[in-house]
Amino acid sequence: MIKHLTLPKKMAAMVLLAGAALSIAPVQAASYPTKQIELVVPYAAGGGTDLVARAFADAAKNHLPVSIGVINKPGGGGAIGLSEIAAARPNGYKIGLGTVELTTLPSLGMVRFKTSDFKPIARLN
């Protein structure tokens, strides 16, 4: 027989998980970031994606002890910039702004990365 958690038990479990996650956060937050974060935009400066990235970097100043530098890597319909993001060390100092090309380029066989190589950290629109 499969037992299902009741709503109060589910809520209690979620609160415990959230509490555990929050108790770890201050330790991690104390050591990151210590240097500038690069935000790679796979398109040329001045376009819509670039403007969103720059607005995000500007807003992040209020929440981070370091700045976010926007780096434009245009070319190949986003392939050059997205490939650089995919090849970056997963240390949080090089992040990227993904677009629909994150899914279309791998399915067309135009890049070496897979969509699953990326981990979302924020949603911008």
PDB file of N, CA and C in Angstrom:
ATOM      1  N   MET A   1       0.842  -1.166   0.000  1.00  0.00           N
ATOM      2  CA  MET A   1       0.000   0.000   0.000  1.00  0.00           C
ATOM      3  C   MET A   1       0.898   1.245   0.000  1.00  0.00           C
ATOM      4  N   ILE A   2       0.540   2.230  -0.803  1.00  0.00           N
ATOM      5  CA  ILE A   2       1.284   3.476  -0.875  1.00  0.00           C
ATOM      6  C   ILE A   2       0.682   4.468   0.101  1.00  0.00           C
ATOM      7  N   LYS A   3       1.525   5.020   0.958  1.00  0.00           N
ATOM      8  CA  LYS A   3       1.056   6.038   1.897  1.00  0.00           C
ATOM      9  C   LYS A   3       1.359   7.409   1.324  1.00  0.00           C
ATOM     10  N   HIS A   4       0.399   8.283   1.394  1.00  0.00           N
ATOM     11  CA  HIS A   4       0.584   9.653   0.934  1.00  0.00           C
ATOM     12  C   HIS A   4       0.636  10.577   2.137  1.00  0.00           C
ATOM     13  N   LEU A   5       1.494  11.560   2.071  1.00  0.00           N
ATOM     14  CA  LEU A   5       1.582  12.542   3.142  1.00  0.00           C
ATOM     15  C   LEU A   5       0.374  13.467   3.096  1.00  0.00           C
ATOM     16  N   THR A   6      -0.134  13.792   4.247  1.00  0.00           N
ATOM     17  CA  THR A   6      -1.228  14.757   4.310  1.00  0.00           C
ATOM     18  C   THR A   6      -0.651  16.156   4.142  1.00  0.00           C
ATOM     19  N   LEU A   7      -1.506  17.115   3.870  1.00  0.00           N
ATOM     20  CA  LEU A   7      -1.047  18.481   3.640  1.00  0.00           C
ATOM     21  C   LEU A   7      -0.229  19.028   4.813  1.00  0.00           C
ATOM     22  N   PRO A   8      -0.674  18.869   6.072  1.00  0.00           N
ATOM     23  CA  PRO A   8       0.152  19.388   7.180  1.00  0.00           C
ATOM     24  C   PRO A   8       1.541  18.737   7.241  1.00  0.00           C
ATOM     25  N   LYS A   9       1.620  17.442   6.951  1.00  0.00           N
ATOM     26  CA  LYS A   9       2.920  16.772   6.969  1.00  0.00           C
ATOM     27  C   LYS A   9       3.800  17.266   5.822  1.00  0.00           C
ATOM     28  N   LYS A  10       3.185  17.512   4.665  1.00  0.00           N
ATOM     29  CA  LYS A  10       3.942  18.045   3.534  1.00  0.00           C
ATOM     30  C   LYS A  10       4.485  19.428   3.868  1.00  0.00           C
ATOM     31  N   MET A  11       3.644  20.256   4.491  1.00  0.00           N
ATOM     32  CA  MET A  11       4.073  21.607   4.861  1.00  0.00           C
ATOM     33  C   MET A  11       5.224  21.543   5.861  1.00  0.00           C
ATOM     34  N   ALA A  12       5.116  20.653   6.833  1.00  0.00           N
ATOM     35  CA  ALA A  12       6.174  20.517   7.835  1.00  0.00           C
ATOM     36  C   ALA A  12       7.480  20.072   7.179  1.00  0.00           C
ATOM     37  N   ALA A  13       7.383  19.140   6.241  1.00  0.00           N
ATOM     38  CA  ALA A  13       8.577  18.668   5.542  1.00  0.00           C
ATOM     39  C   ALA A  13       9.214  19.793   4.737  1.00  0.00           C
ATOM     40  N   MET A  14       8.396  20.606   4.070  1.00  0.00           N
ATOM     41  CA  MET A  14       8.927  21.718   3.286  1.00  0.00           C
ATOM     42  C   MET A  14       9.599  22.752   4.182  1.00  0.00           C
ATOM     43  N   VAL A  15       9.007  23.024   5.338  1.00  0.00           N
ATOM     44  CA  VAL A  15       9.598  23.982   6.270  1.00  0.00           C
ATOM     45  C   VAL A  15      10.948  23.467   6.773  1.00  0.00           C
ATOM     46  N   LEU A  16      11.021  22.173   7.076  1.00  0.00           N
ATOM     47  CA  LEU A  16      12.286  21.595   7.531  1.00  0.00           C
ATOM     48  C   LEU A  16      13.357  21.672   6.443  1.00  0.00           C
ATOM     49  N   LEU A  17      12.971  21.358   5.209  1.00  0.00           N
ATOM     50  CA  LEU A  17      13.933  21.440   4.109  1.00  0.00           C
ATOM     51  C   LEU A  17      14.397  22.872   3.891  1.00  0.00           C
ATOM     52  N   ALA A  18      13.465  23.809   3.942  1.00  0.00           N
ATOM     53  CA  ALA A  18      13.827  25.218   3.764  1.00  0.00           C
ATOM     54  C   ALA A  18      14.747  25.680   4.891  1.00  0.00           C
ATOM     55  N   GLY A  19      14.436  25.265   6.112  1.00  0.00           N
ATOM     56  CA  GLY A  19      15.276  25.627   7.251  1.00  0.00           C
ATOM     57  C   GLY A  19      16.678  25.065   7.125  1.00  0.00           C
ATOM     58  N   ALA A  20      16.775  23.831   6.660  1.00  0.00           N
ATOM     59  CA  ALA A  20      18.091  23.218   6.466  1.00  0.00           C
ATOM     60  C   ALA A  20      18.881  23.961   5.395  1.00  0.00           C
ATOM     61  N   ALA A  21      18.210  24.310   4.319  1.00  0.00           N
ATOM     62  CA  ALA A  21      18.884  25.038   3.237  1.00  0.00           C
ATOM     63  C   ALA A  21      19.338  26.416   3.704  1.00  0.00           C
ATOM     64  N   LEU A  22      18.500  27.097   4.459  1.00  0.00           N
ATOM     65  CA  LEU A  22      18.846  28.434   4.932  1.00  0.00           C
ATOM     66  C   LEU A  22      19.962  28.410   5.966  1.00  0.00           C
ATOM     67  N   SER A  23      20.049  27.330   6.733  1.00  0.00           N
ATOM     68  CA  SER A  23      21.116  27.261   7.735  1.00  0.00           C
ATOM     69  C   SER A  23      22.482  27.080   7.081  1.00  0.00           C
ATOM     70  N   ILE A  24      22.513  26.513   5.888  1.00  0.00           N
ATOM     71  CA  ILE A  24      23.765  26.330   5.159  1.00  0.00           C
ATOM     72  C   ILE A  24      24.143  27.599   4.404  1.00  0.00           C
ATOM     73  N   ALA A  25      23.166  28.363   3.964  1.00  0.00           N
ATOM     74  CA  ALA A  25      23.390  29.532   3.108  1.00  0.00           C
ATOM     75  C   ALA A  25      24.384  30.547   3.674  1.00  0.00           C
ATOM     76  N   PRO A  26      24.333  30.918   4.967  1.00  0.00           N
ATOM     77  CA  PRO A  26      25.289  31.911   5.460  1.00  0.00           C
ATOM     78  C   PRO A  26      26.747  31.465   5.342  1.00  0.00           C
ATOM     79  N   VAL A  27      27.018  30.187   5.513  1.00  0.00           N
ATOM     80  CA  VAL A  27      28.381  29.685   5.389  1.00  0.00           C
ATOM     81  C   VAL A  27      28.851  29.820   3.948  1.00  0.00           C
ATOM     82  N   GLN A  28      28.002  29.431   2.999  1.00  0.00           N
ATOM     83  CA  GLN A  28      28.363  29.543   1.595  1.00  0.00           C
ATOM     84  C   GLN A  28      28.446  31.002   1.175  1.00  0.00           C
ATOM     85  N   ALA A  29      27.535  31.817   1.642  1.00  0.00           N
ATOM     86  CA  ALA A  29      27.495  33.221   1.250  1.00  0.00           C
ATOM     87  C   ALA A  29      28.732  33.973   1.728  1.00  0.00           C
ATOM     88  N   ALA A  30      29.312  33.552   2.834  1.00  0.00           N
ATOM     89  CA  ALA A  30      30.473  34.246   3.376  1.00  0.00           C
ATOM     90  C   ALA A  30      31.697  34.102   2.478  1.00  0.00           C
ATOM     91  N   SER A  31      31.777  33.026   1.711  1.00  0.00           N
ATOM     92  CA  SER A  31      32.964  32.804   0.895  1.00  0.00           C
ATOM     93  C   SER A  31      32.745  33.065  -0.595  1.00  0.00           C
ATOM     94  N   TYR A  32      31.556  33.422  -0.997  1.00  0.00           N
ATOM     95  CA  TYR A  32      31.264  33.683  -2.420  1.00  0.00           C
ATOM     96  C   TYR A  32      30.364  34.882  -2.525  1.00  0.00           C
ATOM     97  N   PRO A  33      30.587  35.731  -3.438  1.00  0.00           N
ATOM     98  CA  PRO A  33      31.705  35.837  -4.362  1.00  0.00           C
ATOM     99  C   PRO A  33      32.815  36.707  -3.789  1.00  0.00           C
ATOM    100  N   THR A  34      34.016  36.440  -4.218  1.00  0.00           N
ATOM    101  CA  THR A  34      35.162  37.237  -3.773  1.00  0.00           C
ATOM    102  C   THR A  34      35.790  38.028  -4.911  1.00  0.00           C
ATOM    103  N   LYS A  35      35.350  37.798  -6.132  1.00  0.00           N
ATOM    104  CA  LYS A  35      35.859  38.547  -7.285  1.00  0.00           C
ATOM    105  C   LYS A  35      34.710  38.793  -8.259  1.00  0.00           C
ATOM    106  N   GLN A  36      34.969  39.619  -9.257  1.00  0.00           N
ATOM    107  CA  GLN A  36      33.921  39.979 -10.210  1.00  0.00           C
ATOM    108  C   GLN A  36      33.365  38.740 -10.916  1.00  0.00           C
ATOM    109  N   ILE A  37      32.060  38.758 -11.135  1.00  0.00           N
ATOM    110  CA  ILE A  37      31.368  37.696 -11.860  1.00  0.00           C
ATOM    111  C   ILE A  37      31.195  38.156 -13.303  1.00  0.00           C
ATOM    112  N   GLU A  38      31.491  37.278 -14.251  1.00  0.00           N
ATOM    113  CA  GLU A  38      31.298  37.587 -15.666  1.00  0.00           C
ATOM    114  C   GLU A  38      29.953  37.023 -16.120  1.00  0.00           C
ATOM    115  N   LEU A  39      29.154  37.871 -16.725  1.00  0.00           N
ATOM    116  CA  LEU A  39      27.876  37.451 -17.299  1.00  0.00           C
ATOM    117  C   LEU A  39      28.035  37.475 -18.814  1.00  0.00           C
ATOM    118  N   VAL A  40      28.140  36.306 -19.417  1.00  0.00           N
ATOM    119  CA  VAL A  40      28.345  36.202 -20.861  1.00  0.00           C
ATOM    120  C   VAL A  40      27.001  36.286 -21.575  1.00  0.00           C
ATOM    121  N   VAL A  41      26.934  37.201 -22.529  1.00  0.00           N
ATOM    122  CA  VAL A  41      25.745  37.366 -23.367  1.00  0.00           C
ATOM    123  C   VAL A  41      26.129  36.888 -24.767  1.00  0.00           C
ATOM    124  N   PRO A  42      25.422  35.891 -25.306  1.00  0.00           N
ATOM    125  CA  PRO A  42      25.822  35.338 -26.602  1.00  0.00           C
ATOM    126  C   PRO A  42      25.395  36.166 -27.810  1.00  0.00           C
ATOM    127  N   TYR A  43      25.206  37.455 -27.627  1.00  0.00           N
ATOM    128  CA  TYR A  43      24.783  38.350 -28.706  1.00  0.00           C
ATOM    129  C   TYR A  43      25.525  39.673 -28.595  1.00  0.00           C
ATOM    130  N   ALA A  44      25.441  40.472 -29.643  1.00  0.00           N
ATOM    131  CA  ALA A  44      26.131  41.757 -29.688  1.00  0.00           C
ATOM    132  C   ALA A  44      25.534  42.753 -28.695  1.00  0.00           C
ATOM    133  N   ALA A  45      26.345  43.724 -28.317  1.00  0.00           N
ATOM    134  CA  ALA A  45      25.893  44.781 -27.409  1.00  0.00           C
ATOM    135  C   ALA A  45      24.804  45.616 -28.076  1.00  0.00           C
ATOM    136  N   GLY A  46      23.860  46.064 -27.271  1.00  0.00           N
ATOM    137  CA  GLY A  46      22.817  46.958 -27.756  1.00  0.00           C
ATOM    138  C   GLY A  46      21.498  46.293 -28.067  1.00  0.00           C
ATOM    139  N   GLY A  47      21.466  44.975 -28.165  1.00  0.00           N
ATOM    140  CA  GLY A  47      20.221  44.265 -28.446  1.00  0.00           C
ATOM    141  C   GLY A  47      19.410  44.022 -27.185  1.00  0.00           C
ATOM    142  N   GLY A  48      18.272  43.400 -27.340  1.00  0.00           N
ATOM    143  CA  GLY A  48      17.380  43.143 -26.213  1.00  0.00           C
ATOM    144  C   GLY A  48      17.990  42.261 -25.144  1.00  0.00           C
ATOM    145  N   THR A  49      18.691  41.204 -25.549  1.00  0.00           N
ATOM    146  CA  THR A  49      19.320  40.303 -24.582  1.00  0.00           C
ATOM    147  C   THR A  49      20.399  41.030 -23.793  1.00  0.00           C
ATOM    148  N   ASP A  50      21.162  41.865 -24.465  1.00  0.00           N
ATOM    149  CA  ASP A  50      22.201  42.657 -23.813  1.00  0.00           C
ATOM    150  C   ASP A  50      21.588  43.631 -22.807  1.00  0.00           C
ATOM    151  N   LEU A  51      20.497  44.271 -23.180  1.00  0.00           N
ATOM    152  CA  LEU A  51      19.847  45.224 -22.271  1.00  0.00           C
ATOM    153  C   LEU A  51      19.331  44.537 -21.011  1.00  0.00           C
ATOM    154  N   VAL A  52      18.751  43.338 -21.168  1.00  0.00           N
ATOM    155  CA  VAL A  52      18.281  42.580 -20.001  1.00  0.00           C
ATOM    156  C   VAL A  52      19.466  42.216 -19.109  1.00  0.00           C
ATOM    157  N   ALA A  53      20.564  41.774 -19.703  1.00  0.00           N
ATOM    158  CA  ALA A  53      21.755  41.403 -18.932  1.00  0.00           C
ATOM    159  C   ALA A  53      22.307  42.595 -18.160  1.00  0.00           C
ATOM    160  N   ARG A  54      22.358  43.751 -18.795  1.00  0.00           N
ATOM    161  CA  ARG A  54      22.893  44.943 -18.131  1.00  0.00           C
ATOM    162  C   ARG A  54      21.964  45.428 -17.015  1.00  0.00           C
ATOM    163  N   ALA A  55      20.662  45.304 -17.215  1.00  0.00           N
ATOM    164  CA  ALA A  55      19.714  45.665 -16.156  1.00  0.00           C
ATOM    165  C   ALA A  55      19.868  44.717 -14.967  1.00  0.00           C
ATOM    166  N   PHE A  56      20.059  43.422 -15.241  1.00  0.00           N
ATOM    167  CA  PHE A  56      20.273  42.435 -14.184  1.00  0.00           C
ATOM    168  C   PHE A  56      21.563  42.736 -13.422  1.00  0.00           C
ATOM    169  N   ALA A  57      22.640  43.011 -14.152  1.00  0.00           N
ATOM    170  CA  ALA A  57      23.928  43.318 -13.519  1.00  0.00           C
ATOM    171  C   ALA A  57      23.822  44.565 -12.649  1.00  0.00           C
ATOM    172  N   ASP A  58      23.091  45.557 -13.129  1.00  0.00           N
ATOM    173  CA  ASP A  58      22.911  46.789 -12.363  1.00  0.00           C
ATOM    174  C   ASP A  58      22.109  46.528 -11.087  1.00  0.00           C
ATOM    175  N   ALA A  59      21.043  45.739 -11.192  1.00  0.00           N
ATOM    176  CA  ALA A  59      20.216  45.427 -10.021  1.00  0.00           C
ATOM    177  C   ALA A  59      20.975  44.570  -9.013  1.00  0.00           C
ATOM    178  N   ALA A  60      21.881  43.729  -9.491  1.00  0.00           N
ATOM    179  CA  ALA A  60      22.638  42.848  -8.603  1.00  0.00           C
ATOM    180  C   ALA A  60      23.587  43.614  -7.695  1.00  0.00           C
ATOM    181  N   LYS A  61      23.934  44.852  -8.065  1.00  0.00           N
ATOM    182  CA  LYS A  61      24.818  45.674  -7.225  1.00  0.00           C
ATOM    183  C   LYS A  61      24.266  45.834  -5.815  1.00  0.00           C
ATOM    184  N   ASN A  62      22.944  45.827  -5.693  1.00  0.00           N
ATOM    185  CA  ASN A  62      22.306  46.005  -4.388  1.00  0.00           C
ATOM    186  C   ASN A  62      22.337  44.741  -3.539  1.00  0.00           C
ATOM    187  N   HIS A  63      22.732  43.612  -4.124  1.00  0.00           N
ATOM    188  CA  HIS A  63      22.648  42.339  -3.414  1.00  0.00           C
ATOM    189  C   HIS A  63      23.973  41.583  -3.312  1.00  0.00           C
ATOM    190  N   LEU A  64      24.978  42.016  -4.048  1.00  0.00           N
ATOM    191  CA  LEU A  64      26.260  41.313  -4.054  1.00  0.00           C
ATOM    192  C   LEU A  64      27.396  42.250  -3.653  1.00  0.00           C
ATOM    193  N   PRO A  65      28.441  41.719  -3.021  1.00  0.00           N
ATOM    194  CA  PRO A  65      29.576  42.563  -2.650  1.00  0.00           C
ATOM    195  C   PRO A  65      30.520  42.856  -3.818  1.00  0.00           C
ATOM    196  N   VAL A  66      30.308  42.210  -4.952  1.00  0.00           N
ATOM    197  CA  VAL A  66      31.137  42.426  -6.144  1.00  0.00           C
ATOM    198  C   VAL A  66      30.228  42.778  -7.314  1.00  0.00           C
ATOM    199  N   SER A  67      30.843  43.279  -8.374  1.00  0.00           N
ATOM    200  CA  SER A  67      30.047  43.637  -9.548  1.00  0.00           C
ATOM    201  C   SER A  67      29.924  42.458 -10.510  1.00  0.00           C
ATOM    202  N   ILE A  68      28.958  42.570 -11.400  1.00  0.00           N
ATOM    203  CA  ILE A  68      28.793  41.614 -12.490  1.00  0.00           C
ATOM    204  C   ILE A  68      29.154  42.352 -13.770  1.00  0.00           C
ATOM    205  N   GLY A  69      30.152  41.861 -14.463  1.00  0.00           N
ATOM    206  CA  GLY A  69      30.565  42.454 -15.728  1.00  0.00           C
ATOM    207  C   GLY A  69      29.906  41.736 -16.892  1.00  0.00           C
ATOM    208  N   VAL A  70      29.267  42.483 -17.766  1.00  0.00           N
ATOM    209  CA  VAL A  70      28.604  41.900 -18.928  1.00  0.00           C
ATOM    210  C   VAL A  70      29.619  41.783 -20.059  1.00  0.00           C
ATOM    211  N   ILE A  71      29.789  40.574 -20.568  1.00  0.00           N
ATOM    212  CA  ILE A  71      30.732  40.283 -21.643  1.00  0.00           C
ATOM    213  C   ILE A  71      29.928  39.777 -22.843  1.00  0.00           C
ATOM    214  N   ASN A  72      29.984  40.503 -23.950  1.00  0.00           N
ATOM    215  CA  ASN A  72      29.261  40.095 -25.152  1.00  0.00           C
ATOM    216  C   ASN A  72      30.142  39.196 -26.010  1.00  0.00           C
ATOM    217  N   LYS A  73      29.606  38.028 -26.390  1.00  0.00           N
ATOM    218  CA  LYS A  73      30.306  37.062 -27.244  1.00  0.00           C
ATOM    219  C   LYS A  73      29.382  36.674 -28.396  1.00  0.00           C
ATOM    220  N   PRO A  74      29.207  37.579 -29.365  1.00  0.00           N
ATOM    221  CA  PRO A  74      28.292  37.285 -30.469  1.00  0.00           C
ATOM    222  C   PRO A  74      28.912  36.332 -31.497  1.00  0.00           C
ATOM    223  N   GLY A  75      28.046  35.740 -32.291  1.00  0.00           N
ATOM    224  CA  GLY A  75      28.500  34.907 -33.399  1.00  0.00           C
ATOM    225  C   GLY A  75      27.837  33.553 -33.427  1.00  0.00           C
ATOM    226  N   GLY A  76      27.605  33.079 -34.627  1.00  0.00           N
ATOM    227  CA  GLY A  76      27.039  31.741 -34.794  1.00  0.00           C
ATOM    228  C   GLY A  76      25.638  31.602 -34.250  1.00  0.00           C
ATOM    229  N   GLY A  77      24.866  32.673 -34.260  1.00  0.00           N
ATOM    230  CA  GLY A  77      23.503  32.595 -33.733  1.00  0.00           C
ATOM    231  C   GLY A  77      23.460  32.264 -32.252  1.00  0.00           C
ATOM    232  N   GLY A  78      24.471  32.695 -31.527  1.00  0.00           N
ATOM    233  CA  GLY A  78      24.547  32.432 -30.089  1.00  0.00           C
ATOM    234  C   GLY A  78      25.487  31.291 -29.735  1.00  0.00           C
ATOM    235  N   ALA A  79      25.963  30.546 -30.736  1.00  0.00           N
ATOM    236  CA  ALA A  79      26.793  29.364 -30.482  1.00  0.00           C
ATOM    237  C   ALA A  79      28.114  29.694 -29.796  1.00  0.00           C
ATOM    238  N   ILE A  80      28.746  30.796 -30.162  1.00  0.00           N
ATOM    239  CA  ILE A  80      30.054  31.136 -29.587  1.00  0.00           C
ATOM    240  C   ILE A  80      29.928  31.448 -28.100  1.00  0.00           C
ATOM    241  N   GLY A  81      29.006  32.320 -27.751  1.00  0.00           N
ATOM    242  CA  GLY A  81      28.823  32.676 -26.348  1.00  0.00           C
ATOM    243  C   GLY A  81      28.328  31.518 -25.504  1.00  0.00           C
ATOM    244  N   LEU A  82      27.356  30.767 -26.009  1.00  0.00           N
ATOM    245  CA  LEU A  82      26.829  29.633 -25.251  1.00  0.00           C
ATOM    246  C   LEU A  82      27.882  28.545 -25.074  1.00  0.00           C
ATOM    247  N   SER A  83      28.736  28.347 -26.078  1.00  0.00           N
ATOM    248  CA  SER A  83      29.816  27.360 -25.954  1.00  0.00           C
ATOM    249  C   SER A  83      30.823  27.781 -24.890  1.00  0.00           C
ATOM    250  N   GLU A  84      31.094  29.081 -24.795  1.00  0.00           N
ATOM    251  CA  GLU A  84      32.005  29.566 -23.755  1.00  0.00           C
ATOM    252  C   GLU A  84      31.410  29.342 -22.364  1.00  0.00           C
ATOM    253  N   ILE A  85      30.127  29.586 -22.231  1.00  0.00           N
ATOM    254  CA  ILE A  85      29.464  29.365 -20.943  1.00  0.00           C
ATOM    255  C   ILE A  85      29.513  27.884 -20.582  1.00  0.00           C
ATOM    256  N   ALA A  86      29.240  27.019 -21.554  1.00  0.00           N
ATOM    257  CA  ALA A  86      29.244  25.573 -21.305  1.00  0.00           C
ATOM    258  C   ALA A  86      30.622  25.077 -20.891  1.00  0.00           C
ATOM    259  N   ALA A  87      31.681  25.685 -21.426  1.00  0.00           N
ATOM    260  CA  ALA A  87      33.049  25.256 -21.127  1.00  0.00           C
ATOM    261  C   ALA A  87      33.609  25.868 -19.846  1.00  0.00           C
ATOM    262  N   ALA A  88      32.891  26.800 -19.247  1.00  0.00           N
ATOM    263  CA  ALA A  88      33.392  27.497 -18.056  1.00  0.00           C
ATOM    264  C   ALA A  88      33.462  26.561 -16.852  1.00  0.00           C
ATOM    265  N   ARG A  89      34.419  26.840 -15.974  1.00  0.00           N
ATOM    266  CA  ARG A  89      34.492  26.094 -14.711  1.00  0.00           C
ATOM    267  C   ARG A  89      33.223  26.364 -13.916  1.00  0.00           C
ATOM    268  N   PRO A  90      32.649  25.370 -13.283  1.00  0.00           N
ATOM    269  CA  PRO A  90      31.399  25.566 -12.535  1.00  0.00           C
ATOM    270  C   PRO A  90      31.622  26.173 -11.149  1.00  0.00           C
ATOM    271  N   ASN A  91      32.326  27.305 -11.103  1.00  0.00           N
ATOM    272  CA  ASN A  91      32.626  27.928  -9.815  1.00  0.00           C
ATOM    273  C   ASN A  91      31.774  29.163  -9.532  1.00  0.00           C
ATOM    274  N   GLY A  92      30.876  29.514 -10.460  1.00  0.00           N
ATOM    275  CA  GLY A  92      29.986  30.643 -10.243  1.00  0.00           C
ATOM    276  C   GLY A  92      30.528  31.990 -10.668  1.00  0.00           C
ATOM    277  N   TYR A  93      31.742  32.022 -11.213  1.00  0.00           N
ATOM    278  CA  TYR A  93      32.320  33.302 -11.617  1.00  0.00           C
ATOM    279  C   TYR A  93      32.138  33.608 -13.101  1.00  0.00           C
ATOM    280  N   LYS A  94      31.644  32.656 -13.852  1.00  0.00           N
ATOM    281  CA  LYS A  94      31.268  32.910 -15.243  1.00  0.00           C
ATOM    282  C   LYS A  94      29.876  32.314 -15.424  1.00  0.00           C
ATOM    283  N   ILE A  95      28.915  33.199 -15.597  1.00  0.00           N
ATOM    284  CA  ILE A  95      27.540  32.780 -15.803  1.00  0.00           C
ATOM    285  C   ILE A  95      27.100  33.311 -17.161  1.00  0.00           C
ATOM    286  N   GLY A  96      25.966  32.884 -17.629  1.00  0.00           N
ATOM    287  CA  GLY A  96      25.530  33.325 -18.943  1.00  0.00           C
ATOM    288  C   GLY A  96      24.039  33.530 -19.014  1.00  0.00           C
ATOM    289  N   LEU A  97      23.660  34.267 -20.013  1.00  0.00           N
ATOM    290  CA  LEU A  97      22.251  34.513 -20.270  1.00  0.00           C
ATOM    291  C   LEU A  97      21.836  33.597 -21.414  1.00  0.00           C
ATOM    292  N   GLY A  98      21.035  32.599 -21.093  1.00  0.00           N
ATOM    293  CA  GLY A  98      20.592  31.639 -22.099  1.00  0.00           C
ATOM    294  C   GLY A  98      19.332  32.107 -22.799  1.00  0.00           C
ATOM    295  N   THR A  99      19.208  31.733 -24.047  1.00  0.00           N
ATOM    296  CA  THR A  99      18.027  32.056 -24.841  1.00  0.00           C
ATOM    297  C   THR A  99      17.540  30.766 -25.496  1.00  0.00           C
ATOM    298  N   VAL A 100      16.574  30.881 -26.357  1.00  0.00           N
ATOM    299  CA  VAL A 100      16.002  29.701 -27.006  1.00  0.00           C
ATOM    300  C   VAL A 100      17.058  28.894 -27.757  1.00  0.00           C
ATOM    301  N   GLU A 101      18.121  29.541 -28.196  1.00  0.00           N
ATOM    302  CA  GLU A 101      19.191  28.838 -28.902  1.00  0.00           C
ATOM    303  C   GLU A 101      19.884  27.799 -28.030  1.00  0.00           C
ATOM    304  N   LEU A 102      19.715  27.903 -26.738  1.00  0.00           N
ATOM    305  CA  LEU A 102      20.256  26.917 -25.813  1.00  0.00           C
ATOM    306  C   LEU A 102      19.674  25.535 -26.099  1.00  0.00           C
ATOM    307  N   THR A 103      18.461  25.485 -26.608  1.00  0.00           N
ATOM    308  CA  THR A 103      17.840  24.205 -26.952  1.00  0.00           C
ATOM    309  C   THR A 103      17.912  23.892 -28.441  1.00  0.00           C
ATOM    310  N   THR A 104      17.860  24.914 -29.281  1.00  0.00           N
ATOM    311  CA  THR A 104      17.838  24.643 -30.724  1.00  0.00           C
ATOM    312  C   THR A 104      19.207  24.271 -31.291  1.00  0.00           C
ATOM    313  N   LEU A 105      20.264  24.929 -30.853  1.00  0.00           N
ATOM    314  CA  LEU A 105      21.596  24.642 -31.404  1.00  0.00           C
ATOM    315  C   LEU A 105      22.028  23.192 -31.174  1.00  0.00           C
ATOM    316  N   PRO A 106      21.871  22.625 -29.958  1.00  0.00           N
ATOM    317  CA  PRO A 106      22.245  21.217 -29.776  1.00  0.00           C
ATOM    318  C   PRO A 106      21.394  20.267 -30.626  1.00  0.00           C
ATOM    319  N   SER A 107      20.113  20.560 -30.752  1.00  0.00           N
ATOM    320  CA  SER A 107      19.256  19.657 -31.530  1.00  0.00           C
ATOM    321  C   SER A 107      19.576  19.709 -33.018  1.00  0.00           C
ATOM    322  N   LEU A 108      20.165  20.799 -33.480  1.00  0.00           N
ATOM    323  CA  LEU A 108      20.585  20.908 -34.876  1.00  0.00           C
ATOM    324  C   LEU A 108      21.996  20.361 -35.099  1.00  0.00           C
ATOM    325  N   GLY A 109      22.665  19.962 -34.018  1.00  0.00           N
ATOM    326  CA  GLY A 109      24.020  19.422 -34.118  1.00  0.00           C
ATOM    327  C   GLY A 109      25.073  20.470 -34.423  1.00  0.00           C
ATOM    328  N   MET A 110      24.805  21.718 -34.066  1.00  0.00           N
ATOM    329  CA  MET A 110      25.720  22.811 -34.395  1.00  0.00           C
ATOM    330  C   MET A 110      26.736  23.111 -33.297  1.00  0.00           C
ATOM    331  N   VAL A 111      26.578  22.498 -32.124  1.00  0.00           N
ATOM    332  CA  VAL A 111      27.474  22.757 -30.994  1.00  0.00           C
ATOM    333  C   VAL A 111      27.802  21.442 -30.290  1.00  0.00           C
ATOM    334  N   ARG A 112      28.815  21.479 -29.434  1.00  0.00           N
ATOM    335  CA  ARG A 112      29.215  20.272 -28.699  1.00  0.00           C
ATOM    336  C   ARG A 112      28.526  20.139 -27.347  1.00  0.00           C
ATOM    337  N   PHE A 113      27.883  21.194 -26.876  1.00  0.00           N
ATOM    338  CA  PHE A 113      27.227  21.111 -25.572  1.00  0.00           C
ATOM    339  C   PHE A 113      25.808  20.572 -25.713  1.00  0.00           C
ATOM    340  N   LYS A 114      25.285  20.122 -24.561  1.00  0.00           N
ATOM    341  CA  LYS A 114      23.890  19.684 -24.480  1.00  0.00           C
ATOM    342  C   LYS A 114      23.158  20.665 -23.571  1.00  0.00           C
ATOM    343  N   THR A 115      21.869  20.751 -23.743  1.00  0.00           N
ATOM    344  CA  THR A 115      21.072  21.621 -22.885  1.00  0.00           C
ATOM    345  C   THR A 115      21.263  21.239 -21.420  1.00  0.00           C
ATOM    346  N   SER A 116      21.413  19.958 -21.144  1.00  0.00           N
ATOM    347  CA  SER A 116      21.576  19.481 -19.763  1.00  0.00           C
ATOM    348  C   SER A 116      22.915  19.883 -19.146  1.00  0.00           C
ATOM    349  N   ASP A 117      23.837  20.437 -19.941  1.00  0.00           N
ATOM    350  CA  ASP A 117      25.117  20.914 -19.402  1.00  0.00           C
ATOM    351  C   ASP A 117      24.955  22.197 -18.590  1.00  0.00           C
ATOM    352  N   PHE A 118      23.811  22.837 -18.703  1.00  0.00           N
ATOM    353  CA  PHE A 118      23.565  24.114 -18.042  1.00  0.00           C
ATOM    354  C   PHE A 118      22.669  23.919 -16.821  1.00  0.00           C
ATOM    355  N   LYS A 119      22.907  24.740 -15.805  1.00  0.00           N
ATOM    356  CA  LYS A 119      22.083  24.733 -14.590  1.00  0.00           C
ATOM    357  C   LYS A 119      21.494  26.124 -14.408  1.00  0.00           C
ATOM    358  N   PRO A 120      20.179  26.238 -14.402  1.00  0.00           N
ATOM    359  CA  PRO A 120      19.571  27.565 -14.228  1.00  0.00           C
ATOM    360  C   PRO A 120      19.779  28.099 -12.811  1.00  0.00           C
ATOM    361  N   ILE A 121      20.058  29.393 -12.713  1.00  0.00           N
ATOM    362  CA  ILE A 121      20.210  30.020 -11.396  1.00  0.00           C
ATOM    363  C   ILE A 121      19.239  31.177 -11.205  1.00  0.00           C
ATOM    364  N   ALA A 122      18.674  31.679 -12.286  1.00  0.00           N
ATOM    365  CA  ALA A 122      17.711  32.782 -12.203  1.00  0.00           C
ATOM    366  C   ALA A 122      16.875  32.778 -13.470  1.00  0.00           C
ATOM    367  N   ARG A 123      15.722  33.405 -13.377  1.00  0.00           N
ATOM    368  CA  ARG A 123      14.854  33.522 -14.543  1.00  0.00           C
ATOM    369  C   ARG A 123      14.618  35.000 -14.806  1.00  0.00           C
ATOM    370  N   LEU A 124      15.014  35.438 -15.978  1.00  0.00           N
ATOM    371  CA  LEU A 124      14.855  36.836 -16.357  1.00  0.00           C
ATOM    372  C   LEU A 124      13.899  36.919 -17.533  1.00  0.00           C
ATOM    373  N   ASN A 125      13.144  38.007 -17.568  1.00  0.00           N
ATOM    374  CA  ASN A 125      12.222  38.194 -18.683  1.00  0.00           C
ATOM    375  C   ASN A 125      12.017  39.666 -18.925  1.00  0.00           C
TER     376      ASN A 125
END
